[in-house]
Protein backbone atom coordinates (compact mmCIF):
# COMPACT_ATOMS: atom_id res chain seq x y z
CA UNK A 1 -15.54 -84.05 -1.51
CA UNK A 2 -12.72 -82.27 -3.29
CA UNK A 3 -15.05 -79.35 -4.13
CA UNK A 4 -15.61 -78.60 -0.45
CA UNK A 5 -11.92 -78.82 0.37
CA UNK A 6 -10.95 -76.66 -2.62
CA UNK A 7 -13.52 -74.04 -1.64
CA UNK A 8 -11.94 -73.83 1.82
CA UNK A 9 -8.48 -73.51 0.25
CA UNK A 10 -9.66 -70.76 -2.08
CA UNK A 11 -11.24 -68.77 0.75
CA UNK A 12 -7.98 -68.83 2.70
CA UNK A 13 -5.99 -67.86 -0.41
CA UNK A 14 -8.05 -64.70 -0.78
CA UNK A 15 -7.01 -63.26 2.55
CA UNK A 16 -3.41 -64.44 2.58
CA UNK A 17 -0.82 -61.67 2.48
CA UNK A 18 1.22 -61.09 -0.65
CA UNK A 19 3.67 -63.93 -1.39
CA UNK A 20 7.40 -63.61 -1.43
CA UNK A 21 8.92 -63.38 -4.88
CA UNK A 22 11.48 -65.46 -6.68
CA UNK A 23 12.16 -68.44 -4.51
CA UNK A 24 13.56 -70.35 -7.46
CA UNK A 25 14.30 -69.89 -11.12
CA UNK A 26 12.28 -72.97 -12.05
CA UNK A 27 9.23 -74.62 -10.53
CA UNK A 28 8.89 -74.03 -6.83
CA UNK A 29 9.85 -77.14 -4.88
CA UNK A 30 10.22 -76.13 -1.26
CA UNK A 31 10.50 -78.57 1.61
CA UNK A 32 7.03 -79.20 2.93
CA UNK A 33 6.20 -78.09 6.47
CA UNK A 34 3.07 -80.24 6.57
CA UNK A 35 2.50 -82.38 9.65
CA UNK A 36 0.04 -85.23 9.40
CA UNK A 37 -2.73 -84.90 11.99
CA UNK A 38 -2.82 -87.67 14.58
CA UNK A 39 -4.97 -90.68 13.79
CA UNK A 40 -6.73 -93.09 16.13
CA UNK A 41 -8.55 -90.28 17.91
CA UNK A 42 -11.61 -89.69 15.74
CA UNK A 43 -13.00 -92.75 13.96
CA UNK A 44 -14.87 -90.63 11.39
CA UNK A 45 -11.68 -88.78 10.49
CA UNK A 46 -9.75 -92.03 10.12
CA UNK A 47 -12.45 -93.42 7.84
CA UNK A 48 -12.41 -90.24 5.74
CA UNK A 49 -8.65 -90.62 5.23
CA UNK A 50 -9.21 -94.16 3.98
CA UNK A 51 -11.85 -92.98 1.52
CA UNK A 52 -9.56 -90.20 0.24
CA UNK A 53 -6.65 -92.62 -0.12
CA UNK A 54 -8.75 -95.17 -2.02
CA UNK A 55 -10.17 -92.51 -4.32
CA UNK A 56 -6.70 -91.10 -4.98
CA UNK A 57 -5.28 -94.51 -5.90
CA UNK A 58 -8.18 -95.15 -8.25
CA UNK A 59 -7.68 -91.87 -10.07
CA UNK A 60 -3.91 -92.37 -10.17
CA UNK A 61 -4.42 -95.74 -11.89
CA UNK A 62 -6.78 -94.12 -14.40
CA UNK A 63 -4.25 -91.36 -15.02
CA UNK A 64 -1.49 -93.92 -15.67
CA UNK A 65 -3.71 -95.78 -18.13
CA UNK A 66 -4.52 -92.54 -19.94
CA UNK A 67 -0.81 -91.65 -20.03
CA UNK A 68 -0.13 -94.97 -21.77
CA UNK A 69 -2.86 -94.25 -24.34
CA UNK A 70 -1.40 -90.78 -24.87
CA UNK A 71 2.07 -92.19 -25.46
CA UNK A 72 0.73 -94.67 -28.03
CA UNK A 73 -1.23 -91.93 -29.78
CA UNK A 74 1.83 -89.70 -30.01
CA UNK A 75 3.99 -92.54 -31.34
CA UNK A 76 1.34 -93.37 -33.94
CA UNK A 77 1.09 -89.66 -34.87
CA UNK A 78 -2.62 -89.66 -34.17
CA UNK A 79 -4.96 -86.77 -34.88
CA UNK A 80 -4.05 -83.56 -33.02
CA UNK A 81 -7.55 -83.31 -31.53
CA UNK A 82 -7.29 -86.82 -30.11
CA UNK A 83 -3.90 -86.09 -28.57
CA UNK A 84 -5.24 -82.88 -27.04
CA UNK A 85 -8.23 -84.78 -25.61
CA UNK A 86 -5.97 -87.38 -24.03
CA UNK A 87 -3.68 -84.72 -22.58
CA UNK A 88 -6.64 -82.97 -20.96
CA UNK A 89 -8.04 -86.25 -19.66
CA UNK A 90 -4.67 -87.19 -18.16
CA UNK A 91 -4.33 -83.74 -16.57
CA UNK A 92 -7.82 -83.83 -15.06
CA UNK A 93 -7.33 -87.33 -13.65
CA UNK A 94 -3.94 -86.37 -12.21
CA UNK A 95 -5.55 -83.42 -10.44
CA UNK A 96 -8.40 -85.58 -9.12
CA UNK A 97 -5.90 -88.06 -7.72
CA UNK A 98 -4.22 -85.45 -5.50
CA UNK A 99 -6.77 -82.68 -4.96
CA UNK A 100 -7.97 -84.09 -1.63
CA UNK A 101 -4.49 -84.73 -0.26
CA UNK A 102 -4.01 -82.74 2.94
CA UNK A 103 -0.32 -82.12 2.30
CA UNK A 104 -1.00 -80.80 -1.21
CA UNK A 105 -3.62 -78.35 0.07
CA UNK A 106 -1.36 -77.28 2.94
CA UNK A 107 1.57 -76.62 0.61
CA UNK A 108 -0.62 -74.62 -1.76
CA UNK A 109 -2.06 -72.60 1.10
CA UNK A 110 1.50 -71.73 2.15
CA UNK A 111 2.40 -70.65 -1.38
CA UNK A 112 4.54 -73.76 -1.91
CA UNK A 113 3.73 -74.86 -5.48
CA UNK A 114 5.58 -77.59 -7.34
CA UNK A 115 4.54 -76.61 -10.85
CA UNK A 116 5.85 -79.88 -12.28
CA UNK A 117 2.72 -81.55 -10.87
CA UNK A 118 -0.73 -81.00 -12.45
CA UNK A 119 -2.48 -80.57 -9.11
CA UNK A 120 -0.26 -77.64 -8.13
CA UNK A 121 -0.70 -76.10 -11.58
CA UNK A 122 -4.47 -76.33 -11.09
CA UNK A 123 -4.38 -74.83 -7.59
CA UNK A 124 -2.03 -72.05 -8.69
CA UNK A 125 -4.39 -71.17 -11.52
CA UNK A 126 -7.38 -71.19 -9.13
CA UNK A 127 -5.58 -68.90 -6.69
CA UNK A 128 -4.65 -66.45 -9.47
CA UNK A 129 -8.08 -66.46 -11.11
CA UNK A 130 -9.69 -65.56 -7.80
CA UNK A 131 -9.22 -62.33 -5.92
CA UNK A 132 -5.76 -61.33 -7.27
CA UNK A 133 -7.01 -61.10 -10.86
CA UNK A 134 -10.11 -59.19 -9.75
CA UNK A 135 -7.96 -56.65 -7.89
CA UNK A 136 -5.60 -56.26 -10.85
CA UNK A 137 -8.40 -55.56 -13.33
CA UNK A 138 -10.18 -53.25 -10.91
CA UNK A 139 -7.07 -51.12 -10.38
CA UNK A 140 -6.10 -51.07 -14.04
CA UNK A 141 -9.48 -49.51 -14.78
CA UNK A 142 -9.91 -47.34 -11.70
CA UNK A 143 -6.48 -45.77 -12.13
CA UNK A 144 -7.03 -45.39 -15.90
CA UNK A 145 -4.03 -47.48 -16.94
CA UNK A 146 -6.64 -48.78 -19.33
CA UNK A 147 -7.60 -46.98 -21.56
CA UNK A 148 -4.72 -44.46 -21.20
CA UNK A 149 -2.25 -47.10 -22.45
CA UNK A 150 -4.47 -49.40 -24.52
CA UNK A 151 -8.13 -50.04 -25.23
CA UNK A 152 -9.43 -52.47 -22.55
CA UNK A 153 -11.12 -54.46 -25.32
CA UNK A 154 -7.76 -55.09 -26.95
CA UNK A 155 -6.15 -56.19 -23.68
CA UNK A 156 -8.96 -58.43 -22.42
CA UNK A 157 -8.19 -60.54 -19.36
CA UNK A 158 -4.50 -61.34 -18.77
CA UNK A 159 -3.71 -65.00 -19.37
CA UNK A 160 -1.00 -65.37 -16.75
CA UNK A 161 0.10 -63.81 -13.50
CA UNK A 162 2.90 -61.27 -13.82
CA UNK A 163 4.68 -60.45 -10.55
CA UNK A 164 7.14 -57.59 -10.21
CA UNK A 165 9.57 -56.96 -7.37
CA UNK A 166 12.12 -54.29 -6.58
CA UNK A 167 15.35 -54.71 -4.61
CA UNK A 168 14.52 -58.29 -3.63
CA UNK A 169 11.27 -57.33 -1.93
CA UNK A 170 8.03 -59.27 -2.02
CA UNK A 171 5.51 -58.86 -4.83
CA UNK A 172 4.53 -55.26 -5.54
CA UNK A 173 0.75 -55.20 -5.45
CA UNK A 174 -0.91 -53.64 -8.53
CA UNK A 175 -1.14 -49.88 -8.11
CA UNK A 176 0.98 -49.77 -4.95
CA UNK A 177 3.13 -46.69 -4.30
CA UNK A 178 6.85 -47.37 -3.92
CA UNK A 179 9.89 -45.17 -3.37
CA UNK A 180 11.74 -44.41 -6.62
CA UNK A 181 15.05 -45.43 -5.04
CA UNK A 182 13.79 -48.98 -4.42
CA UNK A 183 13.46 -49.50 -8.20
CA UNK A 184 16.81 -47.96 -9.13
CA UNK A 185 18.06 -51.38 -10.25
CA UNK A 186 16.20 -53.39 -12.92
CA UNK A 187 12.99 -54.94 -11.64
CA UNK A 188 12.70 -58.63 -10.91
CA UNK A 189 10.03 -60.26 -13.06
CA UNK A 190 8.11 -63.48 -12.59
CA UNK A 191 5.68 -64.73 -15.24
CA UNK A 192 3.71 -67.70 -13.92
CA UNK A 193 2.85 -69.43 -17.16
CA UNK A 194 1.81 -73.06 -16.95
CA UNK A 195 2.71 -74.00 -20.51
CA UNK A 196 4.73 -77.13 -21.15
CA UNK A 197 6.69 -75.62 -24.03
CA UNK A 198 9.10 -72.72 -23.68
CA UNK A 199 7.97 -69.53 -25.40
CA UNK A 200 9.78 -66.27 -26.07
CA UNK A 201 8.45 -63.08 -24.53
CA UNK A 202 9.13 -59.35 -24.57
CA UNK A 203 9.10 -57.34 -21.34
CA UNK A 204 8.30 -53.63 -21.42
CA UNK A 205 8.24 -50.99 -18.69
CA UNK A 206 6.38 -47.81 -19.51
CA UNK A 207 5.72 -44.51 -17.72
CA UNK A 208 2.27 -43.16 -18.60
CA UNK A 209 2.75 -39.78 -16.93
CA UNK A 210 5.94 -38.24 -18.29
CA UNK A 211 5.41 -34.43 -18.45
CA UNK A 212 5.39 -32.96 -21.97
CA UNK A 213 6.11 -29.22 -21.88
CA UNK A 214 5.38 -28.70 -25.58
CA UNK A 215 1.82 -29.99 -25.25
CA UNK A 216 1.34 -28.94 -21.64
CA UNK A 217 0.22 -32.46 -20.94
CA UNK A 218 1.61 -35.94 -20.32
CA UNK A 219 2.97 -38.61 -22.63
CA UNK A 220 4.27 -42.16 -22.60
CA UNK A 221 7.94 -42.88 -22.01
CA UNK A 222 9.50 -46.32 -22.45
CA UNK A 223 11.86 -47.16 -19.59
CA UNK A 224 12.85 -50.68 -20.59
CA UNK A 225 12.47 -53.21 -23.41
CA UNK A 226 13.96 -56.70 -23.22
CA UNK A 227 13.07 -59.33 -25.83
CA UNK A 228 13.59 -63.09 -26.33
CA UNK A 229 13.08 -64.08 -22.68
CA UNK A 230 11.92 -67.68 -22.39
CA UNK A 231 9.14 -68.63 -19.98
CA UNK A 232 7.46 -71.95 -19.26
CA UNK A 233 6.13 -73.79 -16.24
CA UNK A 234 9.74 -74.80 -15.54
CA UNK A 235 11.07 -71.25 -15.98
CA UNK A 236 8.89 -68.64 -14.30
CA UNK A 237 11.58 -66.19 -13.23
CA UNK A 238 12.90 -63.90 -15.95
CA UNK A 239 16.52 -64.67 -16.80
CA UNK A 240 17.40 -61.24 -18.15
CA UNK A 241 20.90 -62.35 -19.13
CA UNK A 242 19.44 -64.49 -21.93
CA UNK A 243 17.34 -61.67 -23.42
CA UNK A 244 18.08 -59.00 -25.99
CA UNK A 245 18.03 -55.47 -24.56
CA UNK A 246 16.46 -53.04 -27.03
CA UNK A 247 16.18 -50.21 -24.49
CA UNK A 248 18.35 -50.25 -21.35
CA UNK A 249 16.59 -49.88 -18.03
CA UNK A 250 16.18 -46.42 -16.54
CA UNK A 251 14.71 -46.11 -13.04
CA UNK A 252 11.45 -44.35 -12.20
CA UNK A 253 12.10 -40.61 -11.98
CA UNK A 254 8.83 -38.74 -11.39
CA UNK A 255 9.70 -35.08 -11.75
CA UNK A 256 9.25 -32.54 -8.98
CA UNK A 257 5.82 -30.94 -9.22
CA UNK A 258 4.25 -33.70 -11.32
CA UNK A 259 1.55 -36.01 -9.93
CA UNK A 260 2.19 -39.65 -9.05
CA UNK A 261 3.42 -41.54 -12.09
CA UNK A 262 2.00 -44.89 -13.19
CA UNK A 263 4.70 -47.36 -14.23
CA UNK A 264 3.31 -50.29 -16.20
CA UNK A 265 5.12 -53.57 -16.79
CA UNK A 266 3.76 -55.68 -19.66
CA UNK A 267 4.73 -59.17 -20.83
CA UNK A 268 4.12 -59.90 -24.51
CA UNK A 269 4.25 -63.27 -26.21
CA UNK A 270 6.23 -62.94 -29.43
CA UNK A 271 5.00 -64.00 -32.84
CA UNK A 272 4.40 -67.54 -34.09
CA UNK A 273 3.18 -68.68 -30.66
CA UNK A 274 6.33 -67.46 -28.98
CA UNK A 275 8.75 -69.14 -31.39
CA UNK A 276 9.82 -66.08 -33.39
CA UNK A 277 12.83 -64.12 -32.22
CA UNK A 278 12.73 -60.34 -31.87
CA UNK A 279 16.29 -59.11 -32.17
CA UNK A 280 16.39 -55.85 -34.08
CA UNK A 281 13.91 -53.01 -34.09
CA UNK A 282 13.86 -49.26 -34.49
CA UNK A 283 12.71 -48.26 -31.01
CA UNK A 284 12.84 -45.10 -28.93
CA UNK A 285 11.72 -44.00 -25.51
CA UNK A 286 9.14 -41.67 -27.06
CA UNK A 287 7.19 -44.35 -28.93
CA UNK A 288 3.48 -45.02 -28.46
CA UNK A 289 2.60 -48.40 -27.05
CA UNK A 290 -0.22 -49.00 -29.54
CA UNK A 291 2.15 -48.53 -32.47
CA UNK A 292 4.86 -50.67 -30.88
CA UNK A 293 2.48 -53.63 -30.49
CA UNK A 294 1.02 -53.35 -33.99
CA UNK A 295 4.43 -53.07 -35.65
CA UNK A 296 6.07 -56.07 -33.98
CA UNK A 297 3.28 -58.69 -33.81
CA UNK A 298 3.11 -58.88 -30.03
CA UNK A 299 0.32 -60.26 -27.84
CA UNK A 300 -0.24 -59.22 -24.23
CA UNK A 301 -0.26 -62.13 -21.79
CA UNK A 302 0.55 -60.44 -18.45
CA UNK A 303 0.42 -56.95 -16.95
CA UNK A 304 0.96 -55.16 -13.65
CA UNK A 305 1.88 -51.67 -12.50
CA UNK A 306 2.97 -49.51 -9.59
CA UNK A 307 3.04 -45.81 -8.79
CA UNK A 308 5.80 -43.51 -7.62
CA UNK A 309 6.11 -39.85 -6.63
CA UNK A 310 9.01 -37.42 -6.39
CA UNK A 311 11.35 -37.46 -3.46
CA UNK A 312 14.95 -36.29 -3.04
CA UNK A 313 16.36 -39.53 -4.44
CA UNK A 314 14.85 -38.67 -7.84
CA UNK A 315 17.22 -35.73 -8.21
CA UNK A 316 20.13 -38.14 -7.78
CA UNK A 317 18.70 -40.34 -10.55
CA UNK A 318 18.52 -37.34 -12.89
CA UNK A 319 22.10 -36.33 -12.14
CA UNK A 320 23.76 -39.76 -11.90
CA UNK A 321 21.78 -41.87 -14.38
CA UNK A 322 20.14 -39.48 -16.84
CA UNK A 323 23.00 -36.95 -16.70
CA UNK A 324 20.72 -33.93 -16.67
CA UNK A 325 19.53 -31.28 -14.27
CA UNK A 326 16.43 -32.24 -12.26
CA UNK A 327 13.41 -30.42 -13.76
CA UNK A 328 10.86 -28.54 -11.72
CA UNK A 329 7.21 -28.36 -12.69
CA UNK A 330 4.25 -26.59 -11.15
CA UNK A 331 1.51 -24.08 -11.79
CA UNK A 332 2.73 -20.72 -13.17
CA UNK A 333 2.77 -17.85 -10.70
CA UNK A 334 -0.22 -15.60 -11.25
CA UNK A 335 0.15 -11.88 -10.47
CA UNK A 336 -1.98 -10.82 -7.56
CA UNK A 337 -4.58 -8.18 -8.43
CA UNK A 338 -5.40 -7.41 -4.80
CA UNK A 339 -1.90 -6.06 -3.98
CA UNK A 340 -0.50 -2.69 -5.07
CA UNK A 341 3.03 -1.82 -6.25
CA UNK A 342 3.99 -1.01 -2.66
CA UNK A 343 3.05 -4.51 -1.54
CA UNK A 344 0.06 -3.37 0.42
CA UNK A 345 -3.38 -4.89 -0.07
CA UNK A 346 -5.67 -2.72 -2.19
CA UNK A 347 -8.86 -1.55 -0.53
CA UNK A 348 -11.70 -3.30 -2.33
CA UNK A 349 -13.96 -0.30 -1.74
CA UNK A 350 -11.49 2.41 -2.80
CA UNK A 351 -13.52 3.39 -5.86
CA UNK A 352 -16.85 3.60 -4.09
């Protein structure tokens, strides 16, 4: 039964508009707006509720028994494989106990996830692994973020959902075009990891399309590096005040005459499964991402990006933030061969 209900939930999740960002620093626990449908009207519906309730109680009892076995195994310092098996069994049973609950499915469909509960962790993962991940990967490849930044084979499939927001707005969809002024302040970051333990991460923002006059081409420019930010299922919003800033944030500033810039935000898990600190490093804004990753033992777990083009606010960013004159780029002016020194058009047949 739960397969049918979950399929219906997943189909609705695919068409739902982008969620609002950053409701809470920890797991989302919003007040439910679910209203129990009236009973006593349809006998079949009433009977179905009884079946769901009985099944849920049965699985809850099995989950409690497995939790007791897990506790005993941990106290006895049992084999790691056995503890992992019991943890998975407890998680699966806890999901089965609640997966058919109408209120749970309603809350998930409304984007109201309490990530302290296994069933919401499971539904959140299902929602992310569906259409949103497909769209992200499609746009990363179609807009050549990969391989311009990294080899797609090295990146693989992101493990967790990385959401970015600017000026308190909702989630910026991957590849969306935003006004540079809306990202003048540091971005808001949400990394929806479902891990029990807290792990340290590094956040990087990179411009892939910074004009390079020397090479008459484009190069990478690092806009932001913050290390030692802890994420877990209980801490999904980035608390930037706890991190170590290696490169201060500079806003998007696509120069006049350059094409739309791609600004990539990447979340890396730090070494030793996120337990190693990353405090000091020789970094610059002109580094290459490939070298940065290889040097500092970082592993990509989340990625997203947006695009931005020049408007008048960019000149203010150059003057006020970067303290330099706004550059101007464009194709060089080619002398016209069909116009004479007097400014008149030359007769194409003059020599015939």
